[in-house]
Amino acid sequence: MPKMKTKSGAKKRFRVRGSGTIKRSQAYKRHILTKRTTKNKRQLRGSTGVHSTNVDSVKAMLPYA
């Protein structure tokens, strides 16, 4: 049987941590930042986990992760 393909968009956006949780970067940090407050931009730094309601669909897109 052929290998399953990983979704290219998902492999660029998600990483699986050692504990098995999925890491993602924050949205709303690319452009049109002049209207955002400094506090808002600061709180969008770093990474966060994928919400529990979306974990199954993300794992389906990353079959070998």
C-alpha atoms as a PDB file:
ATOM      1  CA  MET A   1       0.000   0.000   0.000  1.00  0.00           C
ATOM      2  CA  PRO A   2       1.317   3.497  -0.744  1.00  0.00           C
ATOM      3  CA  LYS A   3       2.503   5.836   1.953  1.00  0.00           C
ATOM      4  CA  MET A   4       0.098   8.466   3.269  1.00  0.00           C
ATOM      5  CA  LYS A   5       0.949  12.018   2.274  1.00  0.00           C
ATOM      6  CA  THR A   6       1.469  14.766   4.830  1.00  0.00           C
ATOM      7  CA  LYS A   7      -0.411  18.013   4.138  1.00  0.00           C
ATOM      8  CA  SER A   8       2.251  20.542   3.104  1.00  0.00           C
ATOM      9  CA  GLY A   9       0.489  23.478   4.740  1.00  0.00           C
ATOM     10  CA  ALA A  10       0.192  21.618   8.036  1.00  0.00           C
ATOM     11  CA  LYS A  11       3.836  20.573   8.137  1.00  0.00           C
ATOM     12  CA  LYS A  12       4.837  24.243   7.810  1.00  0.00           C
ATOM     13  CA  ARG A  13       2.472  25.377  10.574  1.00  0.00           C
ATOM     14  CA  PHE A  14       2.594  22.712  13.290  1.00  0.00           C
ATOM     15  CA  ARG A  15       5.245  20.854  15.297  1.00  0.00           C
ATOM     16  CA  VAL A  16       4.659  17.923  17.619  1.00  0.00           C
ATOM     17  CA  ARG A  17       6.291  18.338  21.025  1.00  0.00           C
ATOM     18  CA  GLY A  18       7.986  15.506  22.860  1.00  0.00           C
ATOM     19  CA  SER A  19       4.965  15.167  25.139  1.00  0.00           C
ATOM     20  CA  GLY A  20       2.737  14.617  22.090  1.00  0.00           C
ATOM     21  CA  THR A  21       0.963  17.975  22.194  1.00  0.00           C
ATOM     22  CA  ILE A  22       0.948  20.077  19.030  1.00  0.00           C
ATOM     23  CA  LYS A  23       2.619  23.480  18.927  1.00  0.00           C
ATOM     24  CA  ARG A  24       1.435  26.341  16.720  1.00  0.00           C
ATOM     25  CA  SER A  25       2.389  29.969  16.251  1.00  0.00           C
ATOM     26  CA  GLN A  26       0.068  32.861  17.037  1.00  0.00           C
ATOM     27  CA  ALA A  27      -2.063  34.462  14.346  1.00  0.00           C
ATOM     28  CA  TYR A  28      -2.603  38.212  13.716  1.00  0.00           C
ATOM     29  CA  LYS A  29       1.101  39.090  13.826  1.00  0.00           C
ATOM     30  CA  ARG A  30       1.946  39.473  10.099  1.00  0.00           C
ATOM     31  CA  HIS A  31       0.749  42.871   8.882  1.00  0.00           C
ATOM     32  CA  ILE A  32      -1.465  45.878   9.733  1.00  0.00           C
ATOM     33  CA  LEU A  33       0.242  46.094  13.124  1.00  0.00           C
ATOM     34  CA  THR A  34       0.076  49.898  13.419  1.00  0.00           C
ATOM     35  CA  LYS A  35      -3.483  49.796  14.736  1.00  0.00           C
ATOM     36  CA  ARG A  36      -2.632  47.172  17.374  1.00  0.00           C
ATOM     37  CA  THR A  37      -1.523  48.178  20.833  1.00  0.00           C
ATOM     38  CA  THR A  38       1.966  47.318  22.065  1.00  0.00           C
ATOM     39  CA  LYS A  39       0.411  45.124  24.752  1.00  0.00           C
ATOM     40  CA  ASN A  40      -1.594  43.190  22.172  1.00  0.00           C
ATOM     41  CA  LYS A  41       1.443  42.613  19.945  1.00  0.00           C
ATOM     42  CA  ARG A  42       3.540  41.517  22.922  1.00  0.00           C
ATOM     43  CA  GLN A  43       0.920  38.973  23.994  1.00  0.00           C
ATOM     44  CA  LEU A  44       0.946  37.442  20.489  1.00  0.00           C
ATOM     45  CA  ARG A  45       4.634  36.522  20.778  1.00  0.00           C
ATOM     46  CA  GLY A  46       5.776  32.956  21.170  1.00  0.00           C
ATOM     47  CA  SER A  47       3.895  29.769  20.497  1.00  0.00           C
ATOM     48  CA  THR A  48       0.869  28.071  21.967  1.00  0.00           C
ATOM     49  CA  GLY A  49      -0.820  24.704  21.796  1.00  0.00           C
ATOM     50  CA  VAL A  50      -3.521  23.597  19.390  1.00  0.00           C
ATOM     51  CA  HIS A  51      -6.959  23.601  21.047  1.00  0.00           C
ATOM     52  CA  SER A  52      -8.298  20.212  22.092  1.00  0.00           C
ATOM     53  CA  THR A  53     -11.221  20.447  19.641  1.00  0.00           C
ATOM     54  CA  ASN A  54      -8.792  20.719  16.695  1.00  0.00           C
ATOM     55  CA  VAL A  55      -6.129  18.199  17.730  1.00  0.00           C
ATOM     56  CA  ASP A  56      -7.692  15.263  15.873  1.00  0.00           C
ATOM     57  CA  SER A  57      -7.916  17.104  12.559  1.00  0.00           C
ATOM     58  CA  VAL A  58      -4.326  18.366  12.833  1.00  0.00           C
ATOM     59  CA  LYS A  59      -3.055  14.868  13.650  1.00  0.00           C
ATOM     60  CA  ALA A  60      -4.874  13.548  10.586  1.00  0.00           C
ATOM     61  CA  MET A  61      -2.965  16.050   8.439  1.00  0.00           C
ATOM     62  CA  LEU A  62       0.360  14.930   9.974  1.00  0.00           C
ATOM     63  CA  PRO A  63       0.165  11.112   9.803  1.00  0.00           C
ATOM     64  CA  TYR A  64       3.840  10.459  10.644  1.00  0.00           C
ATOM     65  CA  ALA A  65       4.397  13.152  13.284  1.00  0.00           C
END
